[in-house]
Amino acid sequence: LAGVSGEVLTRIGEHLKNESPFRDTIMITHANGSS
């Protein structure tokens, strides 16, 4: 689980999933404030 503090557009989440060393990766947005 990867938390980001803003509203991340789709391509960033896809980029992370493609590069992640883990098969199952979920990006959680709006975490800990808002950018």
PDB file of all heavy atoms in Angstrom:
ATOM      1  N   LEU A   1       0.855  -1.177   0.000  1.00  0.00           N
ATOM      2  CA  LEU A   1       0.000   0.000   0.000  1.00  0.00           C
ATOM      3  C   LEU A   1       0.895   1.231   0.000  1.00  0.00           C
ATOM      4  O   LEU A   1       1.775   1.362   0.849  1.00  0.00           O
ATOM      5  CB  LEU A   1      -0.903   0.016   1.234  1.00  0.00           C
ATOM      6  CG  LEU A   1      -1.804  -1.200   1.419  1.00  0.00           C
ATOM      7  CD1 LEU A   1      -2.533  -1.116   2.747  1.00  0.00           C
ATOM      8  CD2 LEU A   1      -2.785  -1.316   0.273  1.00  0.00           C
ATOM      9  N   ALA A   2       0.666   2.137  -0.958  1.00  0.00           N
ATOM     10  CA  ALA A   2       1.501   3.338  -1.095  1.00  0.00           C
ATOM     11  C   ALA A   2       0.617   4.568  -0.959  1.00  0.00           C
ATOM     12  O   ALA A   2      -0.254   4.800  -1.786  1.00  0.00           O
ATOM     13  CB  ALA A   2       2.206   3.328  -2.448  1.00  0.00           C
ATOM     14  N   GLY A   3       0.831   5.366   0.085  1.00  0.00           N
ATOM     15  CA  GLY A   3       0.003   6.535   0.349  1.00  0.00           C
ATOM     16  C   GLY A   3       0.613   7.811  -0.203  1.00  0.00           C
ATOM     17  O   GLY A   3       1.815   8.052  -0.075  1.00  0.00           O
ATOM     18  N   VAL A   4      -0.222   8.622  -0.823  1.00  0.00           N
ATOM     19  CA  VAL A   4       0.183   9.913  -1.383  1.00  0.00           C
ATOM     20  C   VAL A   4      -0.838  10.946  -0.920  1.00  0.00           C
ATOM     21  O   VAL A   4      -2.034  10.678  -0.879  1.00  0.00           O
ATOM     22  CB  VAL A   4       0.230   9.866  -2.933  1.00  0.00           C
ATOM     23  CG1 VAL A   4       0.642  11.191  -3.510  1.00  0.00           C
ATOM     24  CG2 VAL A   4       1.167   8.771  -3.394  1.00  0.00           C
ATOM     25  N   SER A   5      -0.371  12.159  -0.615  1.00  0.00           N
ATOM     26  CA  SER A   5      -1.241  13.151   0.014  1.00  0.00           C
ATOM     27  C   SER A   5      -2.057  14.004  -0.946  1.00  0.00           C
ATOM     28  O   SER A   5      -2.622  15.003  -0.538  1.00  0.00           O
ATOM     29  CB  SER A   5      -0.403  14.089   0.892  1.00  0.00           C
ATOM     30  OG  SER A   5       0.383  14.932   0.075  1.00  0.00           O
ATOM     31  N   GLY A   6      -2.132  13.651  -2.199  1.00  0.00           N
ATOM     32  CA  GLY A   6      -2.910  14.451  -3.135  1.00  0.00           C
ATOM     33  C   GLY A   6      -3.767  13.579  -4.021  1.00  0.00           C
ATOM     34  O   GLY A   6      -3.841  12.358  -3.836  1.00  0.00           O
ATOM     35  N   GLU A   7      -4.425  14.213  -4.986  1.00  0.00           N
ATOM     36  CA  GLU A   7      -5.232  13.482  -5.959  1.00  0.00           C
ATOM     37  C   GLU A   7      -4.346  13.148  -7.153  1.00  0.00           C
ATOM     38  O   GLU A   7      -4.083  13.974  -8.016  1.00  0.00           O
ATOM     39  CB  GLU A   7      -6.441  14.300  -6.407  1.00  0.00           C
ATOM     40  CG  GLU A   7      -7.365  13.501  -7.277  1.00  0.00           C
ATOM     41  CD  GLU A   7      -8.715  14.167  -7.473  1.00  0.00           C
ATOM     42  OE1 GLU A   7      -9.111  15.007  -6.655  1.00  0.00           O
ATOM     43  OE2 GLU A   7      -9.370  13.829  -8.471  1.00  0.00           O
ATOM     44  N   VAL A   8      -3.861  11.922  -7.149  1.00  0.00           N
ATOM     45  CA  VAL A   8      -2.904  11.460  -8.147  1.00  0.00           C
ATOM     46  C   VAL A   8      -3.653  11.063  -9.412  1.00  0.00           C
ATOM     47  O   VAL A   8      -4.607  10.295  -9.357  1.00  0.00           O
ATOM     48  CB  VAL A   8      -2.110  10.252  -7.600  1.00  0.00           C
ATOM     49  CG1 VAL A   8      -1.144   9.730  -8.630  1.00  0.00           C
ATOM     50  CG2 VAL A   8      -1.379  10.649  -6.330  1.00  0.00           C
ATOM     51  N   LEU A   9      -3.188  11.583 -10.543  1.00  0.00           N
ATOM     52  CA  LEU A   9      -3.803  11.191 -11.803  1.00  0.00           C
ATOM     53  C   LEU A   9      -3.346   9.786 -12.190  1.00  0.00           C
ATOM     54  O   LEU A   9      -2.312   9.301 -11.733  1.00  0.00           O
ATOM     55  CB  LEU A   9      -3.496  12.209 -12.900  1.00  0.00           C
ATOM     56  CG  LEU A   9      -4.483  13.409 -12.906  1.00  0.00           C
ATOM     57  CD1 LEU A   9      -4.386  14.239 -11.660  1.00  0.00           C
ATOM     58  CD2 LEU A   9      -4.308  14.252 -14.130  1.00  0.00           C
ATOM     59  N   THR A  10      -4.113   9.133 -13.014  1.00  0.00           N
ATOM     60  CA  THR A  10      -3.982   7.710 -13.310  1.00  0.00           C
ATOM     61  C   THR A  10      -2.586   7.269 -13.709  1.00  0.00           C
ATOM     62  O   THR A  10      -2.099   6.232 -13.255  1.00  0.00           O
ATOM     63  CB  THR A  10      -4.976   7.328 -14.432  1.00  0.00           C
ATOM     64  OG1 THR A  10      -6.289   7.665 -13.994  1.00  0.00           O
ATOM     65  CG2 THR A  10      -4.917   5.855 -14.759  1.00  0.00           C
ATOM     66  N   ARG A  11      -1.917   8.020 -14.549  1.00  0.00           N
ATOM     67  CA  ARG A  11      -0.620   7.573 -15.076  1.00  0.00           C
ATOM     68  C   ARG A  11       0.432   7.377 -13.989  1.00  0.00           C
ATOM     69  O   ARG A  11       1.303   6.517 -14.118  1.00  0.00           O
ATOM     70  CB  ARG A  11      -0.123   8.540 -16.126  1.00  0.00           C
ATOM     71  CG  ARG A  11      -0.950   8.454 -17.381  1.00  0.00           C
ATOM     72  CD  ARG A  11      -0.357   9.263 -18.507  1.00  0.00           C
ATOM     73  NE  ARG A  11      -1.207   9.097 -19.670  1.00  0.00           N
ATOM     74  CZ  ARG A  11      -1.633  10.095 -20.409  1.00  0.00           C
ATOM     75  NH1 ARG A  11      -1.273  11.325 -20.137  1.00  0.00           N
ATOM     76  NH2 ARG A  11      -2.407   9.864 -21.450  1.00  0.00           N
ATOM     77  N   ILE A  12       0.367   8.154 -12.934  1.00  0.00           N
ATOM     78  CA  ILE A  12       1.340   7.981 -11.854  1.00  0.00           C
ATOM     79  C   ILE A  12       1.092   6.647 -11.147  1.00  0.00           C
ATOM     80  O   ILE A  12       2.027   5.913 -10.841  1.00  0.00           O
ATOM     81  CB  ILE A  12       1.308   9.159 -10.866  1.00  0.00           C
ATOM     82  CG1 ILE A  12       1.736  10.452 -11.572  1.00  0.00           C
ATOM     83  CG2 ILE A  12       2.207   8.878  -9.655  1.00  0.00           C
ATOM     84  CD1 ILE A  12       1.663  11.693 -10.708  1.00  0.00           C
ATOM     85  N   GLY A  13      -0.156   6.325 -10.897  1.00  0.00           N
ATOM     86  CA  GLY A  13      -0.476   5.035 -10.280  1.00  0.00           C
ATOM     87  C   GLY A  13      -0.051   3.874 -11.156  1.00  0.00           C
ATOM     88  O   GLY A  13       0.491   2.870 -10.665  1.00  0.00           O
ATOM     89  N   GLU A  14      -0.274   3.995 -12.463  1.00  0.00           N
ATOM     90  CA  GLU A  14       0.144   2.941 -13.393  1.00  0.00           C
ATOM     91  C   GLU A  14       1.670   2.816 -13.414  1.00  0.00           C
ATOM     92  O   GLU A  14       2.201   1.702 -13.452  1.00  0.00           O
ATOM     93  CB  GLU A  14      -0.378   3.240 -14.789  1.00  0.00           C
ATOM     94  CG  GLU A  14      -1.876   3.090 -14.908  1.00  0.00           C
ATOM     95  CD  GLU A  14      -2.422   3.601 -16.240  1.00  0.00           C
ATOM     96  OE1 GLU A  14      -1.690   4.278 -16.992  1.00  0.00           O
ATOM     97  OE2 GLU A  14      -3.595   3.303 -16.524  1.00  0.00           O
ATOM     98  N   HIS A  15       2.356   3.951 -13.396  1.00  0.00           N
ATOM     99  CA  HIS A  15       3.822   3.959 -13.383  1.00  0.00           C
ATOM    100  C   HIS A  15       4.331   3.205 -12.148  1.00  0.00           C
ATOM    101  O   HIS A  15       5.229   2.358 -12.248  1.00  0.00           O
ATOM    102  CB  HIS A  15       4.300   5.409 -13.401  1.00  0.00           C
ATOM    103  CG  HIS A  15       5.782   5.581 -13.481  1.00  0.00           C
ATOM    104  ND1 HIS A  15       6.360   6.814 -13.628  1.00  0.00           N
ATOM    105  CD2 HIS A  15       6.824   4.721 -13.413  1.00  0.00           C
ATOM    106  CE1 HIS A  15       7.666   6.700 -13.656  1.00  0.00           C
ATOM    107  NE2 HIS A  15       7.973   5.426 -13.521  1.00  0.00           N
ATOM    108  N   LEU A  16       3.769   3.515 -10.986  1.00  0.00           N
ATOM    109  CA  LEU A  16       4.185   2.844  -9.758  1.00  0.00           C
ATOM    110  C   LEU A  16       3.940   1.342  -9.845  1.00  0.00           C
ATOM    111  O   LEU A  16       4.816   0.542  -9.514  1.00  0.00           O
ATOM    112  CB  LEU A  16       3.462   3.425  -8.540  1.00  0.00           C
ATOM    113  CG  LEU A  16       3.804   2.740  -7.218  1.00  0.00           C
ATOM    114  CD1 LEU A  16       5.266   2.953  -6.852  1.00  0.00           C
ATOM    115  CD2 LEU A  16       2.888   3.214  -6.114  1.00  0.00           C
ATOM    116  N   LYS A  17       2.765   0.944 -10.297  1.00  0.00           N
ATOM    117  CA  LYS A  17       2.451  -0.488 -10.383  1.00  0.00           C
ATOM    118  C   LYS A  17       3.403  -1.210 -11.331  1.00  0.00           C
ATOM    119  O   LYS A  17       3.815  -2.339 -11.069  1.00  0.00           O
ATOM    120  CB  LYS A  17       1.007  -0.690 -10.826  1.00  0.00           C
ATOM    121  CG  LYS A  17       0.007  -0.369  -9.746  1.00  0.00           C
ATOM    122  CD  LYS A  17      -1.403  -0.613 -10.219  1.00  0.00           C
ATOM    123  CE  LYS A  17      -2.386  -0.283  -9.134  1.00  0.00           C
ATOM    124  NZ  LYS A  17      -3.748  -0.651  -9.489  1.00  0.00           N
ATOM    125  N   ASN A  18       3.771  -0.567 -12.435  1.00  0.00           N
ATOM    126  CA  ASN A  18       4.683  -1.182 -13.399  1.00  0.00           C
ATOM    127  C   ASN A  18       6.093  -1.351 -12.844  1.00  0.00           C
ATOM    128  O   ASN A  18       6.803  -2.276 -13.225  1.00  0.00           O
ATOM    129  CB  ASN A  18       4.741  -0.362 -14.690  1.00  0.00           C
ATOM    130  CG  ASN A  18       3.466  -0.466 -15.488  1.00  0.00           C
ATOM    131  OD1 ASN A  18       2.732  -1.439 -15.384  1.00  0.00           O
ATOM    132  ND2 ASN A  18       3.194   0.545 -16.293  1.00  0.00           N
ATOM    133  N   GLU A  19       6.516  -0.460 -11.958  1.00  0.00           N
ATOM    134  CA  GLU A  19       7.871  -0.486 -11.414  1.00  0.00           C
ATOM    135  C   GLU A  19       7.971  -1.192 -10.064  1.00  0.00           C
ATOM    136  O   GLU A  19       9.064  -1.504  -9.606  1.00  0.00           O
ATOM    137  CB  GLU A  19       8.402   0.946 -11.257  1.00  0.00           C
ATOM    138  CG  GLU A  19       8.496   1.727 -12.547  1.00  0.00           C
ATOM    139  CD  GLU A  19       9.568   1.188 -13.489  1.00  0.00           C
ATOM    140  OE1 GLU A  19      10.616   0.711 -12.998  1.00  0.00           O
ATOM    141  OE2 GLU A  19       9.347   1.233 -14.705  1.00  0.00           O
ATOM    142  N   SER A  20       6.848  -1.436  -9.432  1.00  0.00           N
ATOM    143  CA  SER A  20       6.840  -1.998  -8.082  1.00  0.00           C
ATOM    144  C   SER A  20       7.472  -3.390  -8.037  1.00  0.00           C
ATOM    145  O   SER A  20       7.234  -4.219  -8.919  1.00  0.00           O
ATOM    146  CB  SER A  20       5.409  -2.093  -7.565  1.00  0.00           C
ATOM    147  OG  SER A  20       5.385  -2.717  -6.293  1.00  0.00           O
ATOM    148  N   PRO A  21       8.263  -3.659  -6.995  1.00  0.00           N
ATOM    149  CA  PRO A  21       8.816  -5.001  -6.825  1.00  0.00           C
ATOM    150  C   PRO A  21       7.773  -5.993  -6.306  1.00  0.00           C
ATOM    151  O   PRO A  21       8.053  -7.185  -6.215  1.00  0.00           O
ATOM    152  CB  PRO A  21       9.938  -4.801  -5.798  1.00  0.00           C
ATOM    153  CG  PRO A  21       9.517  -3.610  -5.014  1.00  0.00           C
ATOM    154  CD  PRO A  21       8.767  -2.726  -5.979  1.00  0.00           C
ATOM    155  N   PHE A  22       6.580  -5.496  -5.986  1.00  0.00           N
ATOM    156  CA  PHE A  22       5.520  -6.348  -5.454  1.00  0.00           C
ATOM    157  C   PHE A  22       4.430  -6.549  -6.499  1.00  0.00           C
ATOM    158  O   PHE A  22       4.013  -5.607  -7.170  1.00  0.00           O
ATOM    159  CB  PHE A  22       4.925  -5.733  -4.184  1.00  0.00           C
ATOM    160  CG  PHE A  22       5.957  -5.510  -3.116  1.00  0.00           C
ATOM    161  CD1 PHE A  22       6.460  -4.246  -2.874  1.00  0.00           C
ATOM    162  CD2 PHE A  22       6.447  -6.579  -2.382  1.00  0.00           C
ATOM    163  CE1 PHE A  22       7.430  -4.033  -1.906  1.00  0.00           C
ATOM    164  CE2 PHE A  22       7.416  -6.377  -1.409  1.00  0.00           C
ATOM    165  CZ  PHE A  22       7.908  -5.106  -1.170  1.00  0.00           C
ATOM    166  N   ARG A  23       3.971  -7.773  -6.630  1.00  0.00           N
ATOM    167  CA  ARG A  23       2.952  -8.103  -7.626  1.00  0.00           C
ATOM    168  C   ARG A  23       1.668  -7.300  -7.408  1.00  0.00           C
ATOM    169  O   ARG A  23       1.051  -6.818  -8.355  1.00  0.00           O
ATOM    170  CB  ARG A  23       2.647  -9.594  -7.581  1.00  0.00           C
ATOM    171  CG  ARG A  23       1.737 -10.055  -8.717  1.00  0.00           C
ATOM    172  CD  ARG A  23       1.302 -11.465  -8.529  1.00  0.00           C
ATOM    173  NE  ARG A  23       0.359 -11.438  -7.406  1.00  0.00           N
ATOM    174  CZ  ARG A  23      -0.097 -12.488  -6.783  1.00  0.00           C
ATOM    175  NH1 ARG A  23       0.309 -13.683  -7.121  1.00  0.00           N
ATOM    176  NH2 ARG A  23      -0.944 -12.382  -5.777  1.00  0.00           N
ATOM    177  N   ASP A  24       1.274  -7.173  -6.165  1.00  0.00           N
ATOM    178  CA  ASP A  24       0.045  -6.460  -5.823  1.00  0.00           C
ATOM    179  C   ASP A  24       0.395  -5.143  -5.135  1.00  0.00           C
ATOM    180  O   ASP A  24       0.858  -5.137  -3.991  1.00  0.00           O
ATOM    181  CB  ASP A  24      -0.842  -7.314  -4.914  1.00  0.00           C
ATOM    182  CG  ASP A  24      -1.274  -8.603  -5.597  1.00  0.00           C
ATOM    183  OD1 ASP A  24      -1.675  -8.540  -6.778  1.00  0.00           O
ATOM    184  OD2 ASP A  24      -1.193  -9.663  -4.960  1.00  0.00           O
ATOM    185  N   THR A  25       0.186  -4.040  -5.841  1.00  0.00           N
ATOM    186  CA  THR A  25       0.500  -2.706  -5.322  1.00  0.00           C
ATOM    187  C   THR A  25      -0.722  -1.818  -5.497  1.00  0.00           C
ATOM    188  O   THR A  25      -1.293  -1.756  -6.591  1.00  0.00           O
ATOM    189  CB  THR A  25       1.698  -2.098  -6.077  1.00  0.00           C
ATOM    190  OG1 THR A  25       2.830  -2.957  -5.899  1.00  0.00           O
ATOM    191  CG2 THR A  25       2.023  -0.714  -5.576  1.00  0.00           C
ATOM    192  N   ILE A  26      -1.100  -1.147  -4.438  1.00  0.00           N
ATOM    193  CA  ILE A  26      -2.250  -0.240  -4.473  1.00  0.00           C
ATOM    194  C   ILE A  26      -1.793   1.135  -4.010  1.00  0.00           C
ATOM    195  O   ILE A  26      -1.175   1.273  -2.951  1.00  0.00           O
ATOM    196  CB  ILE A  26      -3.384  -0.746  -3.549  1.00  0.00           C
ATOM    197  CG1 ILE A  26      -3.881  -2.115  -4.028  1.00  0.00           C
ATOM    198  CG2 ILE A  26      -4.516   0.271  -3.487  1.00  0.00           C
ATOM    199  CD1 ILE A  26      -4.846  -2.784  -3.069  1.00  0.00           C
ATOM    200  N   MET A  27      -2.101   2.156  -4.807  1.00  0.00           N
ATOM    201  CA  MET A  27      -1.804   3.527  -4.411  1.00  0.00           C
ATOM    202  C   MET A  27      -3.040   4.101  -3.730  1.00  0.00           C
ATOM    203  O   MET A  27      -4.139   4.070  -4.287  1.00  0.00           O
ATOM    204  CB  MET A  27      -1.433   4.386  -5.618  1.00  0.00           C
ATOM    205  CG  MET A  27      -1.107   5.815  -5.227  1.00  0.00           C
ATOM    206  SD  MET A  27      -0.560   6.809  -6.621  1.00  0.00           S
ATOM    207  CE  MET A  27       1.154   6.315  -6.699  1.00  0.00           C
ATOM    208  N   ILE A  28      -2.833   4.615  -2.535  1.00  0.00           N
ATOM    209  CA  ILE A  28      -3.911   5.248  -1.772  1.00  0.00           C
ATOM    210  C   ILE A  28      -3.692   6.756  -1.860  1.00  0.00           C
ATOM    211  O   ILE A  28      -2.641   7.263  -1.469  1.00  0.00           O
ATOM    212  CB  ILE A  28      -3.905   4.783  -0.307  1.00  0.00           C
ATOM    213  CG1 ILE A  28      -4.082   3.262  -0.261  1.00  0.00           C
ATOM    214  CG2 ILE A  28      -4.968   5.505   0.496  1.00  0.00           C
ATOM    215  CD1 ILE A  28      -3.838   2.667   1.094  1.00  0.00           C
ATOM    216  N   THR A  29      -4.671   7.461  -2.374  1.00  0.00           N
ATOM    217  CA  THR A  29      -4.534   8.904  -2.530  1.00  0.00           C
ATOM    218  C   THR A  29      -5.298   9.637  -1.437  1.00  0.00           C
ATOM    219  O   THR A  29      -6.074   9.038  -0.696  1.00  0.00           O
ATOM    220  CB  THR A  29      -5.027   9.364  -3.914  1.00  0.00           C
ATOM    221  OG1 THR A  29      -6.433   9.106  -4.018  1.00  0.00           O
ATOM    222  CG2 THR A  29      -4.290   8.632  -5.020  1.00  0.00           C
ATOM    223  N   HIS A  30      -5.068  10.926  -1.330  1.00  0.00           N
ATOM    224  CA  HIS A  30      -5.691  11.773  -0.310  1.00  0.00           C
ATOM    225  C   HIS A  30      -5.306  11.331   1.096  1.00  0.00           C
ATOM    226  O   HIS A  30      -6.091  11.440   2.029  1.00  0.00           O
ATOM    227  CB  HIS A  30      -7.214  11.796  -0.451  1.00  0.00           C
ATOM    228  CG  HIS A  30      -7.693  12.318  -1.759  1.00  0.00           C
ATOM    229  ND1 HIS A  30      -7.829  11.516  -2.867  1.00  0.00           N
ATOM    230  CD2 HIS A  30      -8.032  13.548  -2.162  1.00  0.00           C
ATOM    231  CE1 HIS A  30      -8.258  12.240  -3.879  1.00  0.00           C
ATOM    232  NE2 HIS A  30      -8.383  13.475  -3.477  1.00  0.00           N
ATOM    233  N   ALA A  31      -4.090  10.799   1.255  1.00  0.00           N
ATOM    234  CA  ALA A  31      -3.626  10.323   2.557  1.00  0.00           C
ATOM    235  C   ALA A  31      -2.802  11.404   3.247  1.00  0.00           C
ATOM    236  O   ALA A  31      -1.940  12.010   2.633  1.00  0.00           O
ATOM    237  CB  ALA A  31      -2.779   9.061   2.368  1.00  0.00           C
ATOM    238  N   ASN A  32      -3.061  11.651   4.506  1.00  0.00           N
ATOM    239  CA  ASN A  32      -2.277  12.591   5.319  1.00  0.00           C
ATOM    240  C   ASN A  32      -2.270  14.011   4.773  1.00  0.00           C
ATOM    241  O   ASN A  32      -1.223  14.619   4.600  1.00  0.00           O
ATOM    242  CB  ASN A  32      -0.835  12.085   5.474  1.00  0.00           C
ATOM    243  CG  ASN A  32      -0.779  10.756   6.178  1.00  0.00           C
ATOM    244  OD1 ASN A  32      -1.565  10.499   7.072  1.00  0.00           O
ATOM    245  ND2 ASN A  32       0.124   9.909   5.759  1.00  0.00           N
ATOM    246  N   GLY A  33      -3.408  14.554   4.501  1.00  0.00           N
ATOM    247  CA  GLY A  33      -3.465  15.926   4.000  1.00  0.00           C
ATOM    248  C   GLY A  33      -3.769  15.959   2.516  1.00  0.00           C
ATOM    249  O   GLY A  33      -4.221  14.980   1.954  1.00  0.00           O
ATOM    250  N   SER A  34      -3.504  17.077   1.883  1.00  0.00           N
ATOM    251  CA  SER A  34      -3.788  17.173   0.455  1.00  0.00           C
ATOM    252  C   SER A  34      -2.791  18.078  -0.235  1.00  0.00           C
ATOM    253  O   SER A  34      -2.585  19.215   0.166  1.00  0.00           O
ATOM    254  CB  SER A  34      -5.195  17.705   0.213  1.00  0.00           C
ATOM    255  OG  SER A  34      -5.416  17.844  -1.173  1.00  0.00           O
ATOM    256  N   SER A  35      -2.195  17.553  -1.270  1.00  0.00           N
ATOM    257  CA  SER A  35      -1.288  18.337  -2.112  1.00  0.00           C
ATOM    258  C   SER A  35      -2.000  18.811  -3.363  1.00  0.00           C
ATOM    259  O   SER A  35      -1.361  19.303  -4.282  1.00  0.00           O
ATOM    260  CB  SER A  35      -0.080  17.479  -2.493  1.00  0.00           C
ATOM    261  OG  SER A  35       0.611  17.087  -1.338  1.00  0.00           O
TER     262      SER A  35
END
